[in-house]
Amino acid sequence: ESALPLPGLIEAQASHMPRGSTAVIITPSAADSVYRTADLLKRRGMRPLVVLIDNLTFGGYFSAEPVAGQLTALQVPNCRVVEGADLASVLSLTTNLRQMS
């Protein structure tokens, strides 16, 4: 079974979401498609929030830090979840960022 790429999935679902909706994207991807997808949602009047599972800390090959930096520059609230992190604390911080924006 092949997975639908993130931009395709978001593109398919975004048309069903009203402007102003918050779209939470949870992904282990460190690809530029994460940044582009968040940008697409913003341009459509939605409020993306991205939770990046940093696969480098779980034994993967790519860090989520560059994508996190791109999202921050785009003013998209985001957080990196690293192995061993207190998930409740990380997500709470991200929620607070969303409320401040």
N, C-alpha and C. Protein backbone atom coordinates (compact mmCIF):
# COMPACT_ATOMS: atom_id res chain seq x y z
N GLU A 1 0.84 -1.17 0.00
CA GLU A 1 0.00 0.00 0.00
C GLU A 1 0.89 1.24 0.00
N SER A 2 0.59 2.18 -0.86
CA SER A 2 1.40 3.40 -0.88
C SER A 2 0.64 4.52 -0.17
N ALA A 3 1.38 5.36 0.50
CA ALA A 3 0.79 6.47 1.24
C ALA A 3 0.63 7.67 0.32
N LEU A 4 -0.39 8.45 0.57
CA LEU A 4 -0.60 9.69 -0.17
C LEU A 4 0.39 10.72 0.35
N PRO A 5 1.15 11.38 -0.54
CA PRO A 5 2.10 12.40 -0.08
C PRO A 5 1.36 13.52 0.67
N LEU A 6 2.06 14.12 1.64
CA LEU A 6 1.47 15.16 2.48
C LEU A 6 0.80 16.27 1.69
N PRO A 7 1.46 16.87 0.68
CA PRO A 7 0.77 17.95 -0.05
C PRO A 7 -0.52 17.48 -0.72
N GLY A 8 -0.51 16.28 -1.26
CA GLY A 8 -1.71 15.75 -1.90
C GLY A 8 -2.84 15.54 -0.91
N LEU A 9 -2.51 15.01 0.24
CA LEU A 9 -3.50 14.79 1.29
C LEU A 9 -4.12 16.10 1.74
N ILE A 10 -3.27 17.09 2.00
CA ILE A 10 -3.77 18.40 2.46
C ILE A 10 -4.59 19.07 1.37
N GLU A 11 -4.11 19.00 0.14
CA GLU A 11 -4.84 19.60 -0.98
C GLU A 11 -6.24 18.99 -1.10
N ALA A 12 -6.33 17.68 -0.93
CA ALA A 12 -7.61 16.99 -1.03
C ALA A 12 -8.56 17.38 0.10
N GLN A 13 -8.03 17.62 1.28
CA GLN A 13 -8.87 17.91 2.44
C GLN A 13 -9.15 19.40 2.63
N ALA A 14 -8.24 20.25 2.18
CA ALA A 14 -8.35 21.70 2.44
C ALA A 14 -9.64 22.29 1.86
N SER A 15 -10.08 21.76 0.76
CA SER A 15 -11.30 22.31 0.14
C SER A 15 -12.54 22.04 0.98
N HIS A 16 -12.46 21.12 1.92
CA HIS A 16 -13.59 20.79 2.80
C HIS A 16 -13.55 21.54 4.12
N MET A 17 -12.52 22.36 4.31
CA MET A 17 -12.34 23.08 5.57
C MET A 17 -12.66 24.55 5.38
N PRO A 18 -13.44 25.13 6.29
CA PRO A 18 -13.75 26.57 6.16
C PRO A 18 -12.53 27.44 6.50
N ARG A 19 -12.51 28.63 5.90
CA ARG A 19 -11.45 29.59 6.21
C ARG A 19 -11.43 29.83 7.72
N GLY A 20 -10.23 30.03 8.27
CA GLY A 20 -10.09 30.25 9.69
C GLY A 20 -9.92 28.97 10.50
N SER A 21 -10.09 27.81 9.84
CA SER A 21 -9.92 26.54 10.55
C SER A 21 -8.47 26.33 10.93
N THR A 22 -8.26 25.66 12.05
CA THR A 22 -6.91 25.27 12.44
C THR A 22 -6.65 23.88 11.90
N ALA A 23 -5.57 23.74 11.18
CA ALA A 23 -5.16 22.44 10.64
C ALA A 23 -3.91 21.99 11.37
N VAL A 24 -4.01 20.89 12.09
CA VAL A 24 -2.87 20.36 12.83
C VAL A 24 -2.22 19.28 11.97
N ILE A 25 -0.96 19.51 11.65
CA ILE A 25 -0.20 18.55 10.84
C ILE A 25 0.81 17.90 11.76
N ILE A 26 0.75 16.58 11.87
CA ILE A 26 1.70 15.81 12.68
C ILE A 26 2.48 14.95 11.70
N THR A 27 3.79 15.16 11.64
CA THR A 27 4.58 14.45 10.64
C THR A 27 6.02 14.20 11.10
N PRO A 28 6.60 13.08 10.67
CA PRO A 28 8.03 12.85 10.90
C PRO A 28 8.87 13.36 9.73
N SER A 29 8.24 13.94 8.74
CA SER A 29 8.95 14.38 7.54
C SER A 29 9.81 15.61 7.82
N ALA A 30 11.00 15.62 7.23
CA ALA A 30 11.88 16.78 7.29
C ALA A 30 11.98 17.42 5.90
N ALA A 31 11.07 17.07 5.02
CA ALA A 31 11.10 17.55 3.64
C ALA A 31 10.52 18.96 3.52
N ASP A 32 10.92 19.65 2.47
CA ASP A 32 10.39 20.99 2.20
C ASP A 32 8.89 20.98 1.97
N SER A 33 8.32 19.83 1.66
CA SER A 33 6.88 19.75 1.42
C SER A 33 6.09 20.15 2.66
N VAL A 34 6.66 19.99 3.84
CA VAL A 34 5.98 20.39 5.08
C VAL A 34 5.82 21.91 5.09
N TYR A 35 6.89 22.62 4.79
CA TYR A 35 6.85 24.09 4.73
C TYR A 35 5.88 24.54 3.65
N ARG A 36 5.97 23.95 2.47
CA ARG A 36 5.09 24.35 1.36
C ARG A 36 3.63 24.08 1.68
N THR A 37 3.35 22.99 2.36
CA THR A 37 1.98 22.66 2.73
C THR A 37 1.43 23.67 3.73
N ALA A 38 2.23 24.03 4.72
CA ALA A 38 1.79 25.04 5.70
C ALA A 38 1.55 26.37 5.01
N ASP A 39 2.41 26.73 4.07
CA ASP A 39 2.25 27.97 3.31
C ASP A 39 0.95 27.94 2.50
N LEU A 40 0.66 26.82 1.88
CA LEU A 40 -0.59 26.65 1.12
C LEU A 40 -1.80 26.87 2.02
N LEU A 41 -1.77 26.28 3.20
CA LEU A 41 -2.89 26.44 4.13
C LEU A 41 -3.05 27.89 4.55
N LYS A 42 -1.94 28.56 4.84
CA LYS A 42 -2.03 29.98 5.22
C LYS A 42 -2.63 30.81 4.09
N ARG A 43 -2.19 30.55 2.86
CA ARG A 43 -2.71 31.31 1.72
C ARG A 43 -4.20 31.06 1.50
N ARG A 44 -4.70 29.92 1.96
CA ARG A 44 -6.12 29.60 1.85
C ARG A 44 -6.92 30.10 3.05
N GLY A 45 -6.27 30.86 3.92
CA GLY A 45 -6.97 31.45 5.06
C GLY A 45 -7.12 30.53 6.25
N MET A 46 -6.32 29.48 6.30
CA MET A 46 -6.38 28.55 7.43
C MET A 46 -5.22 28.82 8.37
N ARG A 47 -5.28 28.18 9.52
CA ARG A 47 -4.27 28.38 10.56
C ARG A 47 -3.55 27.06 10.82
N PRO A 48 -2.44 26.81 10.11
CA PRO A 48 -1.72 25.56 10.35
C PRO A 48 -0.94 25.59 11.66
N LEU A 49 -0.83 24.43 12.25
CA LEU A 49 -0.01 24.20 13.44
C LEU A 49 0.69 22.88 13.18
N VAL A 50 2.01 22.86 13.25
CA VAL A 50 2.76 21.67 12.84
C VAL A 50 3.50 21.05 14.02
N VAL A 51 3.30 19.76 14.20
CA VAL A 51 4.02 18.98 15.19
C VAL A 51 4.99 18.10 14.42
N LEU A 52 6.28 18.40 14.57
CA LEU A 52 7.33 17.68 13.85
C LEU A 52 7.92 16.60 14.74
N ILE A 53 7.76 15.36 14.34
CA ILE A 53 8.38 14.24 15.05
C ILE A 53 9.81 14.18 14.53
N ASP A 54 10.79 14.54 15.35
CA ASP A 54 12.18 14.62 14.89
C ASP A 54 12.77 13.22 14.79
N ASN A 55 12.72 12.66 13.57
CA ASN A 55 13.14 11.27 13.42
C ASN A 55 14.63 11.05 13.64
N LEU A 56 15.44 12.11 13.58
CA LEU A 56 16.86 11.96 13.86
C LEU A 56 17.07 11.46 15.29
N THR A 57 16.23 11.94 16.21
CA THR A 57 16.37 11.54 17.61
C THR A 57 15.80 10.15 17.88
N PHE A 58 15.07 9.60 16.89
CA PHE A 58 14.52 8.26 17.01
C PHE A 58 15.33 7.26 16.18
N GLY A 59 16.53 7.66 15.74
CA GLY A 59 17.38 6.76 14.97
C GLY A 59 17.28 6.97 13.47
N GLY A 60 16.57 8.00 13.03
CA GLY A 60 16.44 8.30 11.60
C GLY A 60 17.64 9.07 11.09
N TYR A 61 17.51 9.60 9.89
CA TYR A 61 18.63 10.25 9.23
C TYR A 61 18.53 11.77 9.13
N PHE A 62 17.33 12.31 9.25
CA PHE A 62 17.15 13.74 9.00
C PHE A 62 16.55 14.43 10.22
N SER A 63 17.09 15.59 10.55
CA SER A 63 16.59 16.39 11.66
C SER A 63 15.43 17.27 11.18
N ALA A 64 14.50 17.53 12.08
CA ALA A 64 13.38 18.42 11.77
C ALA A 64 13.74 19.88 12.00
N GLU A 65 14.93 20.17 12.50
CA GLU A 65 15.32 21.55 12.81
C GLU A 65 15.22 22.50 11.61
N PRO A 66 15.72 22.13 10.42
CA PRO A 66 15.60 23.06 9.29
C PRO A 66 14.15 23.39 8.94
N VAL A 67 13.28 22.39 8.97
CA VAL A 67 11.87 22.62 8.66
C VAL A 67 11.24 23.49 9.75
N ALA A 68 11.60 23.25 11.00
CA ALA A 68 11.09 24.07 12.10
C ALA A 68 11.48 25.53 11.89
N GLY A 69 12.70 25.76 11.46
CA GLY A 69 13.15 27.13 11.19
C GLY A 69 12.36 27.78 10.06
N GLN A 70 12.09 27.02 9.01
CA GLN A 70 11.30 27.55 7.89
C GLN A 70 9.88 27.89 8.34
N LEU A 71 9.30 27.02 9.16
CA LEU A 71 7.94 27.26 9.64
C LEU A 71 7.90 28.49 10.54
N THR A 72 8.90 28.64 11.39
CA THR A 72 8.97 29.81 12.26
C THR A 72 9.08 31.09 11.43
N ALA A 73 9.90 31.06 10.38
CA ALA A 73 10.04 32.22 9.50
C ALA A 73 8.71 32.55 8.82
N LEU A 74 7.91 31.53 8.57
CA LEU A 74 6.59 31.71 7.95
C LEU A 74 5.54 32.09 9.00
N GLN A 75 5.94 32.14 10.26
CA GLN A 75 5.07 32.44 11.39
C GLN A 75 3.98 31.38 11.57
N VAL A 76 4.40 30.12 11.39
CA VAL A 76 3.52 28.98 11.63
C VAL A 76 3.94 28.35 12.95
N PRO A 77 3.05 28.31 13.94
CA PRO A 77 3.40 27.66 15.20
C PRO A 77 3.80 26.21 14.96
N ASN A 78 4.89 25.80 15.58
CA ASN A 78 5.37 24.43 15.39
C ASN A 78 6.14 23.99 16.61
N CYS A 79 6.30 22.70 16.73
CA CYS A 79 7.14 22.16 17.79
C CYS A 79 7.79 20.89 17.28
N ARG A 80 8.96 20.62 17.85
CA ARG A 80 9.68 19.39 17.54
C ARG A 80 9.49 18.44 18.71
N VAL A 81 9.11 17.23 18.40
CA VAL A 81 9.00 16.19 19.42
C VAL A 81 10.23 15.30 19.26
N VAL A 82 11.05 15.28 20.29
CA VAL A 82 12.26 14.46 20.27
C VAL A 82 12.05 13.25 21.18
N GLU A 83 12.84 12.23 20.93
CA GLU A 83 12.73 11.02 21.74
C GLU A 83 12.95 11.36 23.21
N GLY A 84 12.07 10.85 24.05
CA GLY A 84 12.17 11.06 25.49
C GLY A 84 11.51 12.33 25.99
N ALA A 85 10.99 13.14 25.08
CA ALA A 85 10.35 14.40 25.49
C ALA A 85 9.03 14.12 26.20
N ASP A 86 8.66 15.02 27.09
CA ASP A 86 7.36 14.96 27.75
C ASP A 86 6.35 15.53 26.76
N LEU A 87 5.59 14.66 26.11
CA LEU A 87 4.69 15.05 25.04
C LEU A 87 3.67 16.08 25.50
N ALA A 88 3.14 15.94 26.69
CA ALA A 88 2.16 16.91 27.19
C ALA A 88 2.77 18.31 27.29
N SER A 89 4.00 18.40 27.77
CA SER A 89 4.67 19.70 27.88
C SER A 89 4.94 20.32 26.52
N VAL A 90 5.41 19.50 25.58
CA VAL A 90 5.72 20.00 24.23
C VAL A 90 4.45 20.51 23.56
N LEU A 91 3.38 19.75 23.62
CA LEU A 91 2.14 20.16 22.98
C LEU A 91 1.50 21.35 23.68
N SER A 92 1.66 21.45 24.98
CA SER A 92 1.14 22.58 25.73
C SER A 92 1.84 23.87 25.29
N LEU A 93 3.14 23.81 25.11
CA LEU A 93 3.90 24.96 24.64
C LEU A 93 3.42 25.38 23.25
N THR A 94 3.16 24.43 22.39
CA THR A 94 2.68 24.73 21.04
C THR A 94 1.31 25.36 21.09
N THR A 95 0.45 24.89 21.96
CA THR A 95 -0.89 25.48 22.10
C THR A 95 -0.77 26.92 22.57
N ASN A 96 0.14 27.18 23.50
CA ASN A 96 0.34 28.56 23.96
C ASN A 96 0.84 29.46 22.84
N LEU A 97 1.71 28.93 21.98
CA LEU A 97 2.17 29.71 20.83
C LEU A 97 1.01 30.06 19.91
N ARG A 98 0.10 29.13 19.70
CA ARG A 98 -1.05 29.36 18.83
C ARG A 98 -1.94 30.45 19.41
N GLN A 99 -2.13 30.44 20.72
CA GLN A 99 -2.99 31.43 21.35
C GLN A 99 -2.39 32.82 21.29
N MET A 100 -1.06 32.93 21.25
CA MET A 100 -0.41 34.22 21.19
C MET A 100 -0.41 34.80 19.78
N SER A 101 -0.60 33.96 18.76
CA SER A 101 -0.54 34.47 17.38
C SER A 101 -1.87 34.93 16.89
